[in-house]
Amino acid sequence: MCASQIWNDVMLLDPRVQIAGFIFLMDMSNMQLRELQQMSDQNVSELSCKYFQVMVLKEGLQQAYDAVAGLQDVMPKEYGGQNATTDEIYGWLQHVLFV
């Protein structure tokens, strides 16, 4: 089972997510073809189209920022967002989850 599947299962148990939903972004800019092929299970693809809205972006996140209110406020600085850097966010999560 992949990490994103586990994360999805945990998120679905959160009542806030059940009401408002959540956004899952995946930066695939450095992904190898082999890794992409492992993610392209036909059953998963069909299921995701039923339950998720998928947006494929070629360059930048401006289209996503325009489509999702508040997204830029929570995204890391490396992705053009207003939040902390990814290293700072990761450090905070390590402290919150494992201390």
PDB file of N, CA and C in Angstrom:
ATOM      1  N   MET A   1       0.852  -1.185   0.000  1.00  0.00           N
ATOM      2  CA  MET A   1       0.000   0.000   0.000  1.00  0.00           C
ATOM      3  C   MET A   1       0.889   1.238   0.000  1.00  0.00           C
ATOM      4  N   CYS A   2       0.610   2.171  -0.856  1.00  0.00           N
ATOM      5  CA  CYS A   2       1.460   3.356  -0.954  1.00  0.00           C
ATOM      6  C   CYS A   2       1.076   4.395   0.105  1.00  0.00           C
ATOM      7  N   ALA A   3       2.003   5.310   0.354  1.00  0.00           N
ATOM      8  CA  ALA A   3       1.797   6.328   1.380  1.00  0.00           C
ATOM      9  C   ALA A   3       0.575   7.188   1.087  1.00  0.00           C
ATOM     10  N   SER A   4       0.339   7.507  -0.182  1.00  0.00           N
ATOM     11  CA  SER A   4      -0.810   8.356  -0.500  1.00  0.00           C
ATOM     12  C   SER A   4      -2.125   7.644  -0.211  1.00  0.00           C
ATOM     13  N   GLN A   5      -2.163   6.333  -0.360  1.00  0.00           N
ATOM     14  CA  GLN A   5      -3.365   5.558  -0.036  1.00  0.00           C
ATOM     15  C   GLN A   5      -3.637   5.615   1.466  1.00  0.00           C
ATOM     16  N   ILE A   6      -2.594   5.451   2.267  1.00  0.00           N
ATOM     17  CA  ILE A   6      -2.745   5.514   3.722  1.00  0.00           C
ATOM     18  C   ILE A   6      -3.199   6.909   4.132  1.00  0.00           C
ATOM     19  N   TRP A   7      -2.556   7.934   3.564  1.00  0.00           N
ATOM     20  CA  TRP A   7      -2.924   9.318   3.865  1.00  0.00           C
ATOM     21  C   TRP A   7      -4.385   9.565   3.511  1.00  0.00           C
ATOM     22  N   ASN A   8      -4.826   9.069   2.366  1.00  0.00           N
ATOM     23  CA  ASN A   8      -6.205   9.221   1.932  1.00  0.00           C
ATOM     24  C   ASN A   8      -7.160   8.569   2.931  1.00  0.00           C
ATOM     25  N   ASP A   9      -6.842   7.362   3.374  1.00  0.00           N
ATOM     26  CA  ASP A   9      -7.698   6.663   4.334  1.00  0.00           C
ATOM     27  C   ASP A   9      -7.810   7.437   5.641  1.00  0.00           C
ATOM     28  N   VAL A  10      -6.694   7.977   6.129  1.00  0.00           N
ATOM     29  CA  VAL A  10      -6.703   8.747   7.371  1.00  0.00           C
ATOM     30  C   VAL A  10      -7.524  10.021   7.202  1.00  0.00           C
ATOM     31  N   MET A  11      -7.337  10.708   6.093  1.00  0.00           N
ATOM     32  CA  MET A  11      -8.056  11.957   5.855  1.00  0.00           C
ATOM     33  C   MET A  11      -9.566  11.737   5.786  1.00  0.00           C
ATOM     34  N   LEU A  12      -9.985  10.630   5.196  1.00  0.00           N
ATOM     35  CA  LEU A  12     -11.417  10.374   5.051  1.00  0.00           C
ATOM     36  C   LEU A  12     -12.121  10.172   6.387  1.00  0.00           C
ATOM     37  N   LEU A  13     -11.368   9.863   7.436  1.00  0.00           N
ATOM     38  CA  LEU A  13     -11.960   9.691   8.763  1.00  0.00           C
ATOM     39  C   LEU A  13     -12.171  11.021   9.483  1.00  0.00           C
ATOM     40  N   ASP A  14     -11.582  12.073   9.001  1.00  0.00           N
ATOM     41  CA  ASP A  14     -11.682  13.391   9.623  1.00  0.00           C
ATOM     42  C   ASP A  14     -13.006  14.044   9.215  1.00  0.00           C
ATOM     43  N   PRO A  15     -13.873  14.388  10.186  1.00  0.00           N
ATOM     44  CA  PRO A  15     -15.167  14.995   9.852  1.00  0.00           C
ATOM     45  C   PRO A  15     -15.036  16.289   9.045  1.00  0.00           C
ATOM     46  N   ARG A  16     -13.968  17.057   9.280  1.00  0.00           N
ATOM     47  CA  ARG A  16     -13.778  18.299   8.518  1.00  0.00           C
ATOM     48  C   ARG A  16     -13.567  17.992   7.044  1.00  0.00           C
ATOM     49  N   VAL A  17     -12.853  16.915   6.769  1.00  0.00           N
ATOM     50  CA  VAL A  17     -12.610  16.506   5.384  1.00  0.00           C
ATOM     51  C   VAL A  17     -13.900  15.980   4.766  1.00  0.00           C
ATOM     52  N   GLN A  18     -14.689  15.272   5.550  1.00  0.00           N
ATOM     53  CA  GLN A  18     -15.946  14.735   5.043  1.00  0.00           C
ATOM     54  C   GLN A  18     -16.880  15.854   4.605  1.00  0.00           C
ATOM     55  N   ILE A  19     -16.799  16.992   5.264  1.00  0.00           N
ATOM     56  CA  ILE A  19     -17.663  18.120   4.928  1.00  0.00           C
ATOM     57  C   ILE A  19     -17.056  18.983   3.821  1.00  0.00           C
ATOM     58  N   ALA A  20     -15.810  19.388   3.993  1.00  0.00           N
ATOM     59  CA  ALA A  20     -15.209  20.364   3.082  1.00  0.00           C
ATOM     60  C   ALA A  20     -14.361  19.749   1.978  1.00  0.00           C
ATOM     61  N   GLY A  21     -13.924  18.502   2.159  1.00  0.00           N
ATOM     62  CA  GLY A  21     -13.037  17.879   1.187  1.00  0.00           C
ATOM     63  C   GLY A  21     -11.591  18.263   1.446  1.00  0.00           C
ATOM     64  N   PHE A  22     -10.695  17.777   0.597  1.00  0.00           N
ATOM     65  CA  PHE A  22      -9.293  18.150   0.731  1.00  0.00           C
ATOM     66  C   PHE A  22      -8.631  18.150  -0.635  1.00  0.00           C
ATOM     67  N   ILE A  23      -7.487  18.782  -0.691  1.00  0.00           N
ATOM     68  CA  ILE A  23      -6.738  18.892  -1.937  1.00  0.00           C
ATOM     69  C   ILE A  23      -5.454  18.103  -1.793  1.00  0.00           C
ATOM     70  N   PHE A  24      -5.177  17.263  -2.766  1.00  0.00           N
ATOM     71  CA  PHE A  24      -3.945  16.470  -2.801  1.00  0.00           C
ATOM     72  C   PHE A  24      -3.172  16.895  -4.037  1.00  0.00           C
ATOM     73  N   LEU A  25      -2.027  17.513  -3.824  1.00  0.00           N
ATOM     74  CA  LEU A  25      -1.186  17.958  -4.936  1.00  0.00           C
ATOM     75  C   LEU A  25       0.038  17.068  -5.013  1.00  0.00           C
ATOM     76  N   MET A  26       0.413  16.711  -6.205  1.00  0.00           N
ATOM     77  CA  MET A  26       1.592  15.871  -6.400  1.00  0.00           C
ATOM     78  C   MET A  26       2.494  16.518  -7.436  1.00  0.00           C
ATOM     79  N   ASP A  27       3.703  16.853  -7.021  1.00  0.00           N
ATOM     80  CA  ASP A  27       4.689  17.436  -7.930  1.00  0.00           C
ATOM     81  C   ASP A  27       5.371  16.292  -8.664  1.00  0.00           C
ATOM     82  N   MET A  28       5.082  16.153  -9.933  1.00  0.00           N
ATOM     83  CA  MET A  28       5.613  15.048 -10.731  1.00  0.00           C
ATOM     84  C   MET A  28       6.700  15.526 -11.693  1.00  0.00           C
ATOM     85  N   SER A  29       7.258  16.697 -11.442  1.00  0.00           N
ATOM     86  CA  SER A  29       8.209  17.278 -12.387  1.00  0.00           C
ATOM     87  C   SER A  29       9.494  16.468 -12.533  1.00  0.00           C
ATOM     88  N   ASN A  30       9.927  15.762 -11.519  1.00  0.00           N
ATOM     89  CA  ASN A  30      11.150  14.958 -11.602  1.00  0.00           C
ATOM     90  C   ASN A  30      10.860  13.462 -11.598  1.00  0.00           C
ATOM     91  N   MET A  31       9.641  13.085 -11.891  1.00  0.00           N
ATOM     92  CA  MET A  31       9.254  11.682 -11.849  1.00  0.00           C
ATOM     93  C   MET A  31       9.756  10.944 -13.086  1.00  0.00           C
ATOM     94  N   GLN A  32      10.257   9.752 -12.877  1.00  0.00           N
ATOM     95  CA  GLN A  32      10.721   8.893 -13.960  1.00  0.00           C
ATOM     96  C   GLN A  32       9.528   8.161 -14.579  1.00  0.00           C
ATOM     97  N   LEU A  33       9.645   7.771 -15.828  1.00  0.00           N
ATOM     98  CA  LEU A  33       8.578   7.057 -16.519  1.00  0.00           C
ATOM     99  C   LEU A  33       8.209   5.778 -15.775  1.00  0.00           C
ATOM    100  N   ARG A  34       9.188   5.073 -15.251  1.00  0.00           N
ATOM    101  CA  ARG A  34       8.956   3.832 -14.505  1.00  0.00           C
ATOM    102  C   ARG A  34       8.029   4.080 -13.306  1.00  0.00           C
ATOM    103  N   GLU A  35       8.255   5.184 -12.600  1.00  0.00           N
ATOM    104  CA  GLU A  35       7.426   5.515 -11.444  1.00  0.00           C
ATOM    105  C   GLU A  35       6.007   5.870 -11.872  1.00  0.00           C
ATOM    106  N   LEU A  36       5.892   6.579 -12.956  1.00  0.00           N
ATOM    107  CA  LEU A  36       4.577   6.955 -13.466  1.00  0.00           C
ATOM    108  C   LEU A  36       3.781   5.725 -13.888  1.00  0.00           C
ATOM    109  N   GLN A  37       4.437   4.757 -14.502  1.00  0.00           N
ATOM    110  CA  GLN A  37       3.766   3.532 -14.931  1.00  0.00           C
ATOM    111  C   GLN A  37       3.222   2.751 -13.740  1.00  0.00           C
ATOM    112  N   GLN A  38       3.891   2.806 -12.606  1.00  0.00           N
ATOM    113  CA  GLN A  38       3.416   2.113 -11.410  1.00  0.00           C
ATOM    114  C   GLN A  38       2.151   2.749 -10.856  1.00  0.00           C
ATOM    115  N   MET A  39       1.923   4.001 -11.171  1.00  0.00           N
ATOM    116  CA  MET A  39       0.747   4.713 -10.672  1.00  0.00           C
ATOM    117  C   MET A  39      -0.443   4.616 -11.606  1.00  0.00           C
ATOM    118  N   SER A  40      -0.286   4.029 -12.757  1.00  0.00           N
ATOM    119  CA  SER A  40      -1.337   4.093 -13.768  1.00  0.00           C
ATOM    120  C   SER A  40      -2.203   2.842 -13.832  1.00  0.00           C
ATOM    121  N   ASP A  41      -2.507   2.245 -12.696  1.00  0.00           N
ATOM    122  CA  ASP A  41      -3.408   1.099 -12.649  1.00  0.00           C
ATOM    123  C   ASP A  41      -4.782   1.525 -13.177  1.00  0.00           C
ATOM    124  N   GLN A  42      -5.315   0.797 -14.121  1.00  0.00           N
ATOM    125  CA  GLN A  42      -6.583   1.165 -14.755  1.00  0.00           C
ATOM    126  C   GLN A  42      -7.719   1.277 -13.740  1.00  0.00           C
ATOM    127  N   ASN A  43      -7.776   0.367 -12.776  1.00  0.00           N
ATOM    128  CA  ASN A  43      -8.846   0.416 -11.777  1.00  0.00           C
ATOM    129  C   ASN A  43      -8.757   1.675 -10.923  1.00  0.00           C
ATOM    130  N   VAL A  44      -7.548   2.042 -10.537  1.00  0.00           N
ATOM    131  CA  VAL A  44      -7.361   3.252  -9.747  1.00  0.00           C
ATOM    132  C   VAL A  44      -7.764   4.473 -10.565  1.00  0.00           C
ATOM    133  N   SER A  45      -7.385   4.509 -11.825  1.00  0.00           N
ATOM    134  CA  SER A  45      -7.717   5.643 -12.684  1.00  0.00           C
ATOM    135  C   SER A  45      -9.220   5.810 -12.830  1.00  0.00           C
ATOM    136  N   GLU A  46      -9.939   4.716 -13.033  1.00  0.00           N
ATOM    137  CA  GLU A  46     -11.392   4.791 -13.183  1.00  0.00           C
ATOM    138  C   GLU A  46     -12.050   5.243 -11.891  1.00  0.00           C
ATOM    139  N   LEU A  47     -11.582   4.734 -10.750  1.00  0.00           N
ATOM    140  CA  LEU A  47     -12.149   5.102  -9.460  1.00  0.00           C
ATOM    141  C   LEU A  47     -11.899   6.576  -9.166  1.00  0.00           C
ATOM    142  N   SER A  48     -10.689   7.047  -9.443  1.00  0.00           N
ATOM    143  CA  SER A  48     -10.371   8.435  -9.124  1.00  0.00           C
ATOM    144  C   SER A  48     -11.213   9.402  -9.942  1.00  0.00           C
ATOM    145  N   CYS A  49     -11.589   9.034 -11.134  1.00  0.00           N
ATOM    146  CA  CYS A  49     -12.424   9.912 -11.953  1.00  0.00           C
ATOM    147  C   CYS A  49     -13.832  10.022 -11.398  1.00  0.00           C
ATOM    148  N   LYS A  50     -14.273   9.037 -10.636  1.00  0.00           N
ATOM    149  CA  LYS A  50     -15.613   9.077 -10.061  1.00  0.00           C
ATOM    150  C   LYS A  50     -15.664   9.951  -8.813  1.00  0.00           C
ATOM    151  N   TYR A  51     -14.583   9.984  -8.053  1.00  0.00           N
ATOM    152  CA  TYR A  51     -14.615  10.640  -6.755  1.00  0.00           C
ATOM    153  C   TYR A  51     -13.779  11.909  -6.656  1.00  0.00           C
ATOM    154  N   PHE A  52     -12.922  12.152  -7.618  1.00  0.00           N
ATOM    155  CA  PHE A  52     -12.007  13.270  -7.517  1.00  0.00           C
ATOM    156  C   PHE A  52     -12.086  14.163  -8.744  1.00  0.00           C
ATOM    157  N   GLN A  53     -11.806  15.411  -8.534  1.00  0.00           N
ATOM    158  CA  GLN A  53     -11.598  16.319  -9.651  1.00  0.00           C
ATOM    159  C   GLN A  53     -10.098  16.368  -9.890  1.00  0.00           C
ATOM    160  N   VAL A  54      -9.682  16.124 -11.095  1.00  0.00           N
ATOM    161  CA  VAL A  54      -8.260  16.075 -11.422  1.00  0.00           C
ATOM    162  C   VAL A  54      -7.910  17.268 -12.302  1.00  0.00           C
ATOM    163  N   MET A  55      -6.837  17.949 -11.945  1.00  0.00           N
ATOM    164  CA  MET A  55      -6.350  19.073 -12.734  1.00  0.00           C
ATOM    165  C   MET A  55      -4.887  18.796 -13.073  1.00  0.00           C
ATOM    166  N   VAL A  56      -4.574  18.730 -14.336  1.00  0.00           N
ATOM    167  CA  VAL A  56      -3.201  18.493 -14.780  1.00  0.00           C
ATOM    168  C   VAL A  56      -2.624  19.830 -15.239  1.00  0.00           C
ATOM    169  N   LEU A  57      -1.518  20.211 -14.625  1.00  0.00           N
ATOM    170  CA  LEU A  57      -0.878  21.487 -14.933  1.00  0.00           C
ATOM    171  C   LEU A  57       0.477  21.238 -15.571  1.00  0.00           C
ATOM    172  N   LYS A  58       0.762  21.942 -16.649  1.00  0.00           N
ATOM    173  CA  LYS A  58       2.057  21.768 -17.315  1.00  0.00           C
ATOM    174  C   LYS A  58       3.134  22.624 -16.669  1.00  0.00           C
ATOM    175  N   GLU A  59       2.836  23.849 -16.386  1.00  0.00           N
ATOM    176  CA  GLU A  59       3.824  24.744 -15.793  1.00  0.00           C
ATOM    177  C   GLU A  59       3.155  25.640 -14.769  1.00  0.00           C
ATOM    178  N   GLY A  60       3.745  25.688 -13.594  1.00  0.00           N
ATOM    179  CA  GLY A  60       3.250  26.581 -12.561  1.00  0.00           C
ATOM    180  C   GLY A  60       1.917  26.145 -11.981  1.00  0.00           C
ATOM    181  N   LEU A  61       1.513  26.845 -10.948  1.00  0.00           N
ATOM    182  CA  LEU A  61       0.280  26.510 -10.244  1.00  0.00           C
ATOM    183  C   LEU A  61      -0.786  27.596 -10.361  1.00  0.00           C
ATOM    184  N   GLN A  62      -0.567  28.593 -11.191  1.00  0.00           N
ATOM    185  CA  GLN A  62      -1.506  29.705 -11.257  1.00  0.00           C
ATOM    186  C   GLN A  62      -2.923  29.242 -11.588  1.00  0.00           C
ATOM    187  N   GLN A  63      -3.057  28.273 -12.472  1.00  0.00           N
ATOM    188  CA  GLN A  63      -4.387  27.765 -12.820  1.00  0.00           C
ATOM    189  C   GLN A  63      -5.062  27.154 -11.592  1.00  0.00           C
ATOM    190  N   ALA A  64      -4.300  26.437 -10.779  1.00  0.00           N
ATOM    191  CA  ALA A  64      -4.854  25.855  -9.552  1.00  0.00           C
ATOM    192  C   ALA A  64      -5.190  26.951  -8.550  1.00  0.00           C
ATOM    193  N   TYR A  65      -4.311  27.951  -8.419  1.00  0.00           N
ATOM    194  CA  TYR A  65      -4.576  29.062  -7.503  1.00  0.00           C
ATOM    195  C   TYR A  65      -5.843  29.812  -7.902  1.00  0.00           C
ATOM    196  N   ASP A  66      -6.071  29.953  -9.193  1.00  0.00           N
ATOM    197  CA  ASP A  66      -7.278  30.629  -9.668  1.00  0.00           C
ATOM    198  C   ASP A  66      -8.529  29.792  -9.419  1.00  0.00           C
ATOM    199  N   ALA A  67      -8.398  28.478  -9.468  1.00  0.00           N
ATOM    200  CA  ALA A  67      -9.553  27.586  -9.344  1.00  0.00           C
ATOM    201  C   ALA A  67      -9.927  27.281  -7.898  1.00  0.00           C
ATOM    202  N   VAL A  68      -8.950  27.313  -6.995  1.00  0.00           N
ATOM    203  CA  VAL A  68      -9.195  26.905  -5.605  1.00  0.00           C
ATOM    204  C   VAL A  68      -8.916  28.085  -4.677  1.00  0.00           C
ATOM    205  N   ALA A  69      -9.964  28.645  -4.110  1.00  0.00           N
ATOM    206  CA  ALA A  69      -9.823  29.790  -3.213  1.00  0.00           C
ATOM    207  C   ALA A  69      -8.982  29.419  -1.992  1.00  0.00           C
ATOM    208  N   GLY A  70      -8.010  30.252  -1.672  1.00  0.00           N
ATOM    209  CA  GLY A  70      -7.188  30.050  -0.482  1.00  0.00           C
ATOM    210  C   GLY A  70      -6.018  29.099  -0.657  1.00  0.00           C
ATOM    211  N   LEU A  71      -5.899  28.468  -1.801  1.00  0.00           N
ATOM    212  CA  LEU A  71      -4.823  27.495  -2.003  1.00  0.00           C
ATOM    213  C   LEU A  71      -3.449  28.148  -1.906  1.00  0.00           C
ATOM    214  N   GLN A  72      -3.289  29.307  -2.503  1.00  0.00           N
ATOM    215  CA  GLN A  72      -1.988  29.970  -2.489  1.00  0.00           C
ATOM    216  C   GLN A  72      -1.580  30.363  -1.067  1.00  0.00           C
ATOM    217  N   ASP A  73      -2.541  30.605  -0.196  1.00  0.00           N
ATOM    218  CA  ASP A  73      -2.242  30.965   1.192  1.00  0.00           C
ATOM    219  C   ASP A  73      -1.588  29.825   1.962  1.00  0.00           C
ATOM    220  N   VAL A  74      -1.888  28.593   1.606  1.00  0.00           N
ATOM    221  CA  VAL A  74      -1.372  27.447   2.367  1.00  0.00           C
ATOM    222  C   VAL A  74      -0.221  26.723   1.684  1.00  0.00           C
ATOM    223  N   MET A  75       0.067  27.075   0.447  1.00  0.00           N
ATOM    224  CA  MET A  75       1.150  26.409  -0.272  1.00  0.00           C
ATOM    225  C   MET A  75       2.509  26.934   0.182  1.00  0.00           C
ATOM    226  N   PRO A  76       3.543  26.074   0.141  1.00  0.00           N
ATOM    227  CA  PRO A  76       4.898  26.499   0.516  1.00  0.00           C
ATOM    228  C   PRO A  76       5.449  27.552  -0.445  1.00  0.00           C
ATOM    229  N   LYS A  77       6.413  28.305   0.046  1.00  0.00           N
ATOM    230  CA  LYS A  77       7.026  29.363  -0.762  1.00  0.00           C
ATOM    231  C   LYS A  77       7.631  28.829  -2.050  1.00  0.00           C
ATOM    232  N   GLU A  78       8.189  27.624  -2.016  1.00  0.00           N
ATOM    233  CA  GLU A  78       8.817  27.057  -3.210  1.00  0.00           C
ATOM    234  C   GLU A  78       7.827  26.865  -4.351  1.00  0.00           C
ATOM    235  N   TYR A  79       6.553  26.808  -4.034  1.00  0.00           N
ATOM    236  CA  TYR A  79       5.513  26.624  -5.042  1.00  0.00           C
ATOM    237  C   TYR A  79       4.726  27.914  -5.276  1.00  0.00           C
ATOM    238  N   GLY A  80       5.313  29.034  -4.901  1.00  0.00           N
ATOM    239  CA  GLY A  80       4.668  30.321  -5.129  1.00  0.00           C
ATOM    240  C   GLY A  80       3.608  30.658  -4.105  1.00  0.00           C
ATOM    241  N   GLY A  81       3.586  29.939  -3.002  1.00  0.00           N
ATOM    242  CA  GLY A  81       2.583  30.163  -1.972  1.00  0.00           C
ATOM    243  C   GLY A  81       3.020  31.164  -0.918  1.00  0.00           C
ATOM    244  N   GLN A  82       2.142  31.399   0.040  1.00  0.00           N
ATOM    245  CA  GLN A  82       2.378  32.370   1.105  1.00  0.00           C
ATOM    246  C   GLN A  82       2.796  31.710   2.414  1.00  0.00           C
ATOM    247  N   ASN A  83       2.846  30.389   2.456  1.00  0.00           N
ATOM    248  CA  ASN A  83       3.171  29.658   3.675  1.00  0.00           C
ATOM    249  C   ASN A  83       4.681  29.599   3.858  1.00  0.00           C
ATOM    250  N   ALA A  84       5.123  28.883   4.862  1.00  0.00           N
ATOM    251  CA  ALA A  84       6.551  28.696   5.135  1.00  0.00           C
ATOM    252  C   ALA A  84       7.189  27.849   4.030  1.00  0.00           C
ATOM    253  N   THR A  85       8.488  27.625   4.136  1.00  0.00           N
ATOM    254  CA  THR A  85       9.169  26.764   3.169  1.00  0.00           C
ATOM    255  C   THR A  85       8.816  25.305   3.449  1.00  0.00           C
ATOM    256  N   THR A  86       9.085  24.425   2.500  1.00  0.00           N
ATOM    257  CA  THR A  86       8.787  23.002   2.714  1.00  0.00           C
ATOM    258  C   THR A  86       9.606  22.450   3.867  1.00  0.00           C
ATOM    259  N   ASP A  87      10.853  22.880   4.018  1.00  0.00           N
ATOM    260  CA  ASP A  87      11.678  22.410   5.138  1.00  0.00           C
ATOM    261  C   ASP A  87      11.088  22.843   6.475  1.00  0.00           C
ATOM    262  N   GLU A  88      10.598  24.071   6.551  1.00  0.00           N
ATOM    263  CA  GLU A  88       9.986  24.561   7.790  1.00  0.00           C
ATOM    264  C   GLU A  88       8.701  23.797   8.101  1.00  0.00           C
ATOM    265  N   ILE A  89       7.903  23.542   7.092  1.00  0.00           N
ATOM    266  CA  ILE A  89       6.657  22.791   7.290  1.00  0.00           C
ATOM    267  C   ILE A  89       6.966  21.369   7.725  1.00  0.00           C
ATOM    268  N   TYR A  90       7.950  20.739   7.083  1.00  0.00           N
ATOM    269  CA  TYR A  90       8.348  19.377   7.442  1.00  0.00           C
ATOM    270  C   TYR A  90       8.840  19.329   8.887  1.00  0.00           C
ATOM    271  N   GLY A  91       9.655  20.297   9.293  1.00  0.00           N
ATOM    272  CA  GLY A  91      10.137  20.355  10.671  1.00  0.00           C
ATOM    273  C   GLY A  91       9.001  20.500  11.661  1.00  0.00           C
ATOM    274  N   TRP A  92       8.023  21.346  11.338  1.00  0.00           N
ATOM    275  CA  TRP A  92       6.872  21.528  12.210  1.00  0.00           C
ATOM    276  C   TRP A  92       6.074  20.228  12.330  1.00  0.00           C
ATOM    277  N   LEU A  93       5.863  19.541  11.192  1.00  0.00           N
ATOM    278  CA  LEU A  93       5.126  18.276  11.222  1.00  0.00           C
ATOM    279  C   LEU A  93       5.860  17.223  12.043  1.00  0.00           C
ATOM    280  N   GLN A  94       7.180  17.156  11.909  1.00  0.00           N
ATOM    281  CA  GLN A  94       7.968  16.210  12.697  1.00  0.00           C
ATOM    282  C   GLN A  94       7.769  16.483  14.184  1.00  0.00           C
ATOM    283  N   HIS A  95       7.799  17.758  14.555  1.00  0.00           N
ATOM    284  CA  HIS A  95       7.630  18.132  15.960  1.00  0.00           C
ATOM    285  C   HIS A  95       6.228  17.782  16.469  1.00  0.00           C
ATOM    286  N   VAL A  96       5.225  18.103  15.687  1.00  0.00           N
ATOM    287  CA  VAL A  96       3.835  17.871  16.101  1.00  0.00           C
ATOM    288  C   VAL A  96       3.493  16.385  16.146  1.00  0.00           C
ATOM    289  N   LEU A  97       3.933  15.634  15.142  1.00  0.00           N
ATOM    290  CA  LEU A  97       3.540  14.231  15.037  1.00  0.00           C
ATOM    291  C   LEU A  97       4.380  13.285  15.882  1.00  0.00           C
ATOM    292  N   PHE A  98       5.637  13.615  16.110  1.00  0.00           N
ATOM    293  CA  PHE A  98       6.532  12.642  16.724  1.00  0.00           C
ATOM    294  C   PHE A  98       7.129  13.087  18.049  1.00  0.00           C
ATOM    295  N   VAL A  99       6.628  14.161  18.640  1.00  0.00           N
ATOM    296  CA  VAL A  99       7.139  14.592  19.948  1.00  0.00           C
ATOM    297  C   VAL A  99       6.117  14.283  20.997  1.00  0.00           C
TER     298      VAL A  99
END
